[in-house]
Amino acid sequence: PACSFLEDTAAVLYRLRDEAAPGIYLVDGNRHL
């Protein structure tokens, strides 16, 4: 499954809001489990 811990997702969303160019981004912390 695509999944992440809530705290990690919140930090990524905060960075994306402030630093990312317009567009669609994928946020997932599961690399192989």
All heavy atoms as atom14 arrays in JSON, in Angstrom:
{
  "sequence": "PACSFLEDTAAVLYRLRDEAAPGIYLVDGNRHL",
  "atom14_mask": [
    [1, 1, 1, 1, 1, 1, 1, 0, 0, 0, 0, 0, 0, 0],
    [1, 1, 1, 1, 1, 0, 0, 0, 0, 0, 0, 0, 0, 0],
    [1, 1, 1, 1, 1, 1, 0, 0, 0, 0, 0, 0, 0, 0],
    [1, 1, 1, 1, 1, 1, 0, 0, 0, 0, 0, 0, 0, 0],
    [1, 1, 1, 1, 1, 1, 1, 1, 1, 1, 1, 0, 0, 0],
    [1, 1, 1, 1, 1, 1, 1, 1, 0, 0, 0, 0, 0, 0],
    [1, 1, 1, 1, 1, 1, 1, 1, 1, 0, 0, 0, 0, 0],
    [1, 1, 1, 1, 1, 1, 1, 1, 0, 0, 0, 0, 0, 0],
    [1, 1, 1, 1, 1, 1, 1, 0, 0, 0, 0, 0, 0, 0],
    [1, 1, 1, 1, 1, 0, 0, 0, 0, 0, 0, 0, 0, 0],
    [1, 1, 1, 1, 1, 0, 0, 0, 0, 0, 0, 0, 0, 0],
    [1, 1, 1, 1, 1, 1, 1, 0, 0, 0, 0, 0, 0, 0],
    [1, 1, 1, 1, 1, 1, 1, 1, 0, 0, 0, 0, 0, 0],
    [1, 1, 1, 1, 1, 1, 1, 1, 1, 1, 1, 1, 0, 0],
    [1, 1, 1, 1, 1, 1, 1, 1, 1, 1, 1, 0, 0, 0],
    [1, 1, 1, 1, 1, 1, 1, 1, 0, 0, 0, 0, 0, 0],
    [1, 1, 1, 1, 1, 1, 1, 1, 1, 1, 1, 0, 0, 0],
    [1, 1, 1, 1, 1, 1, 1, 1, 0, 0, 0, 0, 0, 0],
    [1, 1, 1, 1, 1, 1, 1, 1, 1, 0, 0, 0, 0, 0],
    [1, 1, 1, 1, 1, 0, 0, 0, 0, 0, 0, 0, 0, 0],
    [1, 1, 1, 1, 1, 0, 0, 0, 0, 0, 0, 0, 0, 0],
    [1, 1, 1, 1, 1, 1, 1, 0, 0, 0, 0, 0, 0, 0],
    [1, 1, 1, 1, 0, 0, 0, 0, 0, 0, 0, 0, 0, 0],
    [1, 1, 1, 1, 1, 1, 1, 1, 0, 0, 0, 0, 0, 0],
    [1, 1, 1, 1, 1, 1, 1, 1, 1, 1, 1, 1, 0, 0],
    [1, 1, 1, 1, 1, 1, 1, 1, 0, 0, 0, 0, 0, 0],
    [1, 1, 1, 1, 1, 1, 1, 0, 0, 0, 0, 0, 0, 0],
    [1, 1, 1, 1, 1, 1, 1, 1, 0, 0, 0, 0, 0, 0],
    [1, 1, 1, 1, 0, 0, 0, 0, 0, 0, 0, 0, 0, 0],
    [1, 1, 1, 1, 1, 1, 1, 1, 0, 0, 0, 0, 0, 0],
    [1, 1, 1, 1, 1, 1, 1, 1, 1, 1, 1, 0, 0, 0],
    [1, 1, 1, 1, 1, 1, 1, 1, 1, 1, 0, 0, 0, 0],
    [1, 1, 1, 1, 1, 1, 1, 1, 0, 0, 0, 0, 0, 0]
  ],
  "atom14_positions": [
    [[0.81, -1.22, 0.0], [0.0, 0.0, 0.0], [0.85, 1.27, 0.0], [1.97, 1.29, 0.52], [-0.78, -0.12, 1.31], [0.13, -0.88, 2.22], [0.86, -1.85, 1.32], [0.0, 0.0, 0.0], [0.0, 0.0, 0.0], [0.0, 0.0, 0.0], [0.0, 0.0, 0.0], [0.0, 0.0, 0.0], [0.0, 0.0, 0.0], [0.0, 0.0, 0.0]],
    [[0.3, 2.31, -0.59], [0.88, 3.64, -0.42], [0.48, 4.08, 0.99], [-0.7, 4.05, 1.34], [0.33, 4.6, -1.45], [0.0, 0.0, 0.0], [0.0, 0.0, 0.0], [0.0, 0.0, 0.0], [0.0, 0.0, 0.0], [0.0, 0.0, 0.0], [0.0, 0.0, 0.0], [0.0, 0.0, 0.0], [0.0, 0.0, 0.0], [0.0, 0.0, 0.0]],
    [[1.44, 4.46, 1.82], [1.1, 4.87, 3.18], [2.25, 5.68, 3.78], [3.4, 5.56, 3.37], [0.78, 3.67, 4.06], [2.08, 2.43, 4.17], [0.0, 0.0, 0.0], [0.0, 0.0, 0.0], [0.0, 0.0, 0.0], [0.0, 0.0, 0.0], [0.0, 0.0, 0.0], [0.0, 0.0, 0.0], [0.0, 0.0, 0.0], [0.0, 0.0, 0.0]],
    [[1.89, 6.49, 4.75], [2.86, 7.32, 5.47], [2.32, 7.59, 6.87], [1.11, 7.52, 7.09], [3.07, 8.66, 4.77], [3.54, 8.51, 3.47], [0.0, 0.0, 0.0], [0.0, 0.0, 0.0], [0.0, 0.0, 0.0], [0.0, 0.0, 0.0], [0.0, 0.0, 0.0], [0.0, 0.0, 0.0], [0.0, 0.0, 0.0], [0.0, 0.0, 0.0]],
    [[3.21, 7.93, 7.77], [2.78, 8.36, 9.09], [2.24, 9.78, 9.0], [2.77, 10.61, 8.25], [3.94, 8.27, 10.09], [4.16, 6.88, 10.59], [4.98, 6.0, 9.88], [3.54, 6.43, 11.75], [5.17, 4.7, 10.32], [3.74, 5.13, 12.19], [4.55, 4.26, 11.47], [0.0, 0.0, 0.0], [0.0, 0.0, 0.0], [0.0, 0.0, 0.0]],
    [[1.18, 10.06, 9.76], [0.52, 11.37, 9.7], [1.5, 12.53, 9.88], [1.44, 13.51, 9.12], [-0.56, 11.45, 10.79], [-1.86, 10.72, 10.5], [-2.68, 10.57, 11.78], [-2.65, 11.46, 9.44], [0.0, 0.0, 0.0], [0.0, 0.0, 0.0], [0.0, 0.0, 0.0], [0.0, 0.0, 0.0], [0.0, 0.0, 0.0], [0.0, 0.0, 0.0]],
    [[2.38, 12.42, 10.85], [3.32, 13.52, 11.12], [4.24, 13.77, 9.94], [4.56, 14.92, 9.61], [4.16, 13.23, 12.37], [3.37, 13.05, 13.64], [2.89, 11.61, 13.87], [2.99, 10.77, 12.96], [2.41, 11.35, 14.98], [0.0, 0.0, 0.0], [0.0, 0.0, 0.0], [0.0, 0.0, 0.0], [0.0, 0.0, 0.0], [0.0, 0.0, 0.0]],
    [[4.68, 12.7, 9.29], [5.56, 12.83, 8.13], [4.82, 13.46, 6.96], [5.35, 14.32, 6.26], [6.14, 11.47, 7.73], [7.03, 10.88, 8.81], [7.56, 11.66, 9.65], [7.18, 9.65, 8.84], [0.0, 0.0, 0.0], [0.0, 0.0, 0.0], [0.0, 0.0, 0.0], [0.0, 0.0, 0.0], [0.0, 0.0, 0.0], [0.0, 0.0, 0.0]],
    [[3.58, 13.03, 6.75], [2.77, 13.61, 5.67], [2.56, 15.1, 5.9], [2.69, 15.9, 4.97], [1.41, 12.89, 5.56], [1.65, 11.52, 5.26], [0.55, 13.5, 4.47], [0.0, 0.0, 0.0], [0.0, 0.0, 0.0], [0.0, 0.0, 0.0], [0.0, 0.0, 0.0], [0.0, 0.0, 0.0], [0.0, 0.0, 0.0], [0.0, 0.0, 0.0]],
    [[2.24, 15.47, 7.13], [2.02, 16.89, 7.43], [3.27, 17.72, 7.12], [3.17, 18.81, 6.54], [1.63, 17.06, 8.9], [0.0, 0.0, 0.0], [0.0, 0.0, 0.0], [0.0, 0.0, 0.0], [0.0, 0.0, 0.0], [0.0, 0.0, 0.0], [0.0, 0.0, 0.0], [0.0, 0.0, 0.0], [0.0, 0.0, 0.0], [0.0, 0.0, 0.0]],
    [[4.44, 17.21, 7.47], [5.68, 17.95, 7.2], [5.92, 18.07, 5.69], [6.33, 19.14, 5.21], [6.86, 17.25, 7.87], [0.0, 0.0, 0.0], [0.0, 0.0, 0.0], [0.0, 0.0, 0.0], [0.0, 0.0, 0.0], [0.0, 0.0, 0.0], [0.0, 0.0, 0.0], [0.0, 0.0, 0.0], [0.0, 0.0, 0.0], [0.0, 0.0, 0.0]],
    [[5.66, 17.01, 4.95], [5.83, 17.06, 3.5], [4.84, 18.04, 2.88], [5.21, 18.83, 2.01], [5.69, 15.65, 2.87], [5.64, 15.72, 1.36], [6.84, 14.75, 3.32], [0.0, 0.0, 0.0], [0.0, 0.0, 0.0], [0.0, 0.0, 0.0], [0.0, 0.0, 0.0], [0.0, 0.0, 0.0], [0.0, 0.0, 0.0], [0.0, 0.0, 0.0]],
    [[3.6, 18.0, 3.31], [2.6, 18.92, 2.76], [2.98, 20.37, 3.03], [2.82, 21.24, 2.16], [1.21, 18.61, 3.33], [0.61, 17.27, 2.94], [-0.73, 17.04, 3.65], [0.45, 17.15, 1.43], [0.0, 0.0, 0.0], [0.0, 0.0, 0.0], [0.0, 0.0, 0.0], [0.0, 0.0, 0.0], [0.0, 0.0, 0.0], [0.0, 0.0, 0.0]],
    [[3.48, 20.63, 4.21], [3.91, 21.99, 4.56], [5.02, 22.46, 3.61], [4.98, 23.57, 3.08], [4.39, 22.01, 6.02], [4.74, 23.38, 6.52], [3.76, 24.25, 6.96], [6.07, 23.8, 6.56], [4.08, 25.53, 7.42], [6.41, 25.05, 7.02], [5.41, 25.91, 7.44], [5.74, 27.16, 7.9], [0.0, 0.0, 0.0], [0.0, 0.0, 0.0]],
    [[6.0, 21.58, 3.36], [7.09, 21.93, 2.44], [6.58, 22.13, 1.02], [6.98, 23.07, 0.33], [8.18, 20.86, 2.46], [9.14, 20.97, 3.62], [10.4, 20.13, 3.42], [10.19, 18.8, 2.91], [9.95, 17.72, 3.67], [9.89, 17.84, 4.98], [9.79, 16.54, 3.1], [0.0, 0.0, 0.0], [0.0, 0.0, 0.0], [0.0, 0.0, 0.0]],
    [[5.71, 21.24, 0.58], [5.17, 21.37, -0.78], [4.43, 22.7, -0.94], [4.58, 23.38, -1.95], [4.23, 20.21, -1.11], [4.87, 18.87, -1.41], [3.8, 17.78, -1.56], [5.75, 18.93, -2.64], [0.0, 0.0, 0.0], [0.0, 0.0, 0.0], [0.0, 0.0, 0.0], [0.0, 0.0, 0.0], [0.0, 0.0, 0.0], [0.0, 0.0, 0.0]],
    [[3.64, 23.05, 0.05], [2.88, 24.3, -0.03], [3.81, 25.5, -0.19], [3.55, 26.42, -0.95], [2.02, 24.47, 1.21], [1.1, 25.7, 1.1], [0.68, 26.22, 2.42], [1.86, 26.7, 3.14], [1.84, 27.15, 4.37], [0.73, 27.14, 5.05], [2.93, 27.57, 4.97], [0.0, 0.0, 0.0], [0.0, 0.0, 0.0], [0.0, 0.0, 0.0]],
    [[4.92, 25.47, 0.52], [5.83, 26.61, 0.52], [6.87, 26.59, -0.6], [7.34, 27.64, -1.02], [6.58, 26.69, 1.85], [5.69, 27.2, 2.97], [4.57, 27.65, 2.69], [6.14, 27.16, 4.13], [0.0, 0.0, 0.0], [0.0, 0.0, 0.0], [0.0, 0.0, 0.0], [0.0, 0.0, 0.0], [0.0, 0.0, 0.0], [0.0, 0.0, 0.0]],
    [[7.22, 25.39, -1.1], [8.38, 25.31, -1.99], [8.1, 24.73, -3.37], [8.91, 24.91, -4.28], [9.47, 24.45, -1.32], [9.92, 25.0, 0.02], [10.79, 24.03, 0.81], [11.16, 22.96, 0.27], [11.07, 24.33, 1.97], [0.0, 0.0, 0.0], [0.0, 0.0, 0.0], [0.0, 0.0, 0.0], [0.0, 0.0, 0.0], [0.0, 0.0, 0.0]],
    [[7.01, 24.03, -3.57], [6.79, 23.31, -4.83], [6.21, 24.2, -5.91], [5.43, 25.11, -5.65], [5.86, 22.12, -4.59], [0.0, 0.0, 0.0], [0.0, 0.0, 0.0], [0.0, 0.0, 0.0], [0.0, 0.0, 0.0], [0.0, 0.0, 0.0], [0.0, 0.0, 0.0], [0.0, 0.0, 0.0], [0.0, 0.0, 0.0], [0.0, 0.0, 0.0]],
    [[6.59, 23.88, -7.14], [5.98, 24.52, -8.3], [4.57, 23.96, -8.45], [4.26, 22.88, -7.96], [6.81, 24.22, -9.54], [0.0, 0.0, 0.0], [0.0, 0.0, 0.0], [0.0, 0.0, 0.0], [0.0, 0.0, 0.0], [0.0, 0.0, 0.0], [0.0, 0.0, 0.0], [0.0, 0.0, 0.0], [0.0, 0.0, 0.0], [0.0, 0.0, 0.0]],
    [[3.69, 24.68, -9.15], [2.35, 24.16, -9.37], [2.4, 22.78, -10.03], [3.28, 22.49, -10.83], [1.72, 25.18, -10.33], [2.51, 26.44, -10.12], [3.9, 25.99, -9.77], [0.0, 0.0, 0.0], [0.0, 0.0, 0.0], [0.0, 0.0, 0.0], [0.0, 0.0, 0.0], [0.0, 0.0, 0.0], [0.0, 0.0, 0.0], [0.0, 0.0, 0.0]],
    [[1.46, 21.91, -9.66], [1.4, 20.6, -10.27], [0.95, 19.54, -9.29], [0.53, 19.83, -8.17], [0.0, 0.0, 0.0], [0.0, 0.0, 0.0], [0.0, 0.0, 0.0], [0.0, 0.0, 0.0], [0.0, 0.0, 0.0], [0.0, 0.0, 0.0], [0.0, 0.0, 0.0], [0.0, 0.0, 0.0], [0.0, 0.0, 0.0], [0.0, 0.0, 0.0]],
    [[1.07, 18.29, -9.73], [0.65, 17.14, -8.93], [1.88, 16.42, -8.4], [2.83, 16.17, -9.14], [-0.2, 16.17, -9.78], [-1.51, 16.87, -10.2], [-0.49, 14.88, -9.02], [-2.35, 16.08, -11.15], [0.0, 0.0, 0.0], [0.0, 0.0, 0.0], [0.0, 0.0, 0.0], [0.0, 0.0, 0.0], [0.0, 0.0, 0.0], [0.0, 0.0, 0.0]],
    [[1.84, 16.09, -7.11], [2.95, 15.43, -6.43], [2.42, 14.18, -5.72], [1.28, 14.15, -5.27], [3.61, 16.37, -5.41], [4.24, 17.56, -6.07], [3.48, 18.69, -6.39], [5.59, 17.56, -6.41], [4.06, 19.79, -7.03], [6.17, 18.65, -7.04], [5.4, 19.75, -7.35], [5.98, 20.83, -7.98], [0.0, 0.0, 0.0], [0.0, 0.0, 0.0]],
    [[3.28, 13.18, -5.6], [2.92, 11.93, -4.94], [3.67, 11.83, -3.62], [4.89, 11.97, -3.59], [3.28, 10.74, -5.83], [2.78, 10.8, -7.28], [3.22, 9.56, -8.04], [1.27, 10.97, -7.33], [0.0, 0.0, 0.0], [0.0, 0.0, 0.0], [0.0, 0.0, 0.0], [0.0, 0.0, 0.0], [0.0, 0.0, 0.0], [0.0, 0.0, 0.0]],
    [[2.94, 11.58, -2.54], [3.53, 11.54, -1.2], [3.29, 10.16, -0.61], [2.15, 9.78, -0.32], [2.91, 12.63, -0.29], [3.54, 12.58, 1.1], [3.05, 14.01, -0.92], [0.0, 0.0, 0.0], [0.0, 0.0, 0.0], [0.0, 0.0, 0.0], [0.0, 0.0, 0.0], [0.0, 0.0, 0.0], [0.0, 0.0, 0.0], [0.0, 0.0, 0.0]],
    [[4.37, 9.39, -0.46], [4.26, 8.02, 0.02], [5.56, 7.64, 0.72], [6.63, 7.8, 0.16], [3.99, 7.07, -1.16], [3.85, 5.62, -0.76], [3.75, 5.32, 0.44], [3.85, 4.77, -1.67], [0.0, 0.0, 0.0], [0.0, 0.0, 0.0], [0.0, 0.0, 0.0], [0.0, 0.0, 0.0], [0.0, 0.0, 0.0], [0.0, 0.0, 0.0]],
    [[5.46, 7.1, 1.93], [6.65, 6.71, 2.67], [6.96, 5.23, 2.59], [7.94, 4.77, 3.17], [0.0, 0.0, 0.0], [0.0, 0.0, 0.0], [0.0, 0.0, 0.0], [0.0, 0.0, 0.0], [0.0, 0.0, 0.0], [0.0, 0.0, 0.0], [0.0, 0.0, 0.0], [0.0, 0.0, 0.0], [0.0, 0.0, 0.0], [0.0, 0.0, 0.0]],
    [[6.13, 4.45, 1.88], [6.37, 3.01, 1.8], [7.22, 2.7, 0.59], [6.77, 2.78, -0.54], [5.06, 2.23, 1.72], [5.29, 0.73, 1.76], [6.37, 0.26, 2.11], [4.26, -0.01, 1.38], [0.0, 0.0, 0.0], [0.0, 0.0, 0.0], [0.0, 0.0, 0.0], [0.0, 0.0, 0.0], [0.0, 0.0, 0.0], [0.0, 0.0, 0.0]],
    [[8.43, 2.3, 0.84], [9.34, 1.99, -0.26], [9.26, 0.54, -0.7], [9.42, 0.24, -1.87], [10.76, 2.37, 0.13], [10.83, 3.86, 0.46], [12.14, 4.49, 0.16], [12.01, 5.94, 0.27], [12.53, 6.66, 1.23], [13.26, 6.1, 2.17], [12.37, 7.97, 1.23], [0.0, 0.0, 0.0], [0.0, 0.0, 0.0], [0.0, 0.0, 0.0]],
    [[9.04, -0.39, 0.25], [9.07, -1.8, -0.15], [8.33, -2.76, 0.78], [8.44, -3.98, 0.62], [10.52, -2.29, -0.29], [11.27, -2.24, 1.0], [11.17, -3.22, 1.95], [12.11, -1.31, 1.51], [11.93, -2.9, 3.0], [12.5, -1.75, 2.75], [0.0, 0.0, 0.0], [0.0, 0.0, 0.0], [0.0, 0.0, 0.0], [0.0, 0.0, 0.0]],
    [[7.59, -2.28, 1.75], [6.97, -3.18, 2.72], [5.56, -3.62, 2.3], [4.77, -2.82, 1.81], [6.88, -2.49, 4.09], [8.2, -2.14, 4.75], [7.97, -1.37, 6.04], [9.03, -3.39, 5.01], [0.0, 0.0, 0.0], [0.0, 0.0, 0.0], [0.0, 0.0, 0.0], [0.0, 0.0, 0.0], [0.0, 0.0, 0.0], [0.0, 0.0, 0.0]]
  ]
}
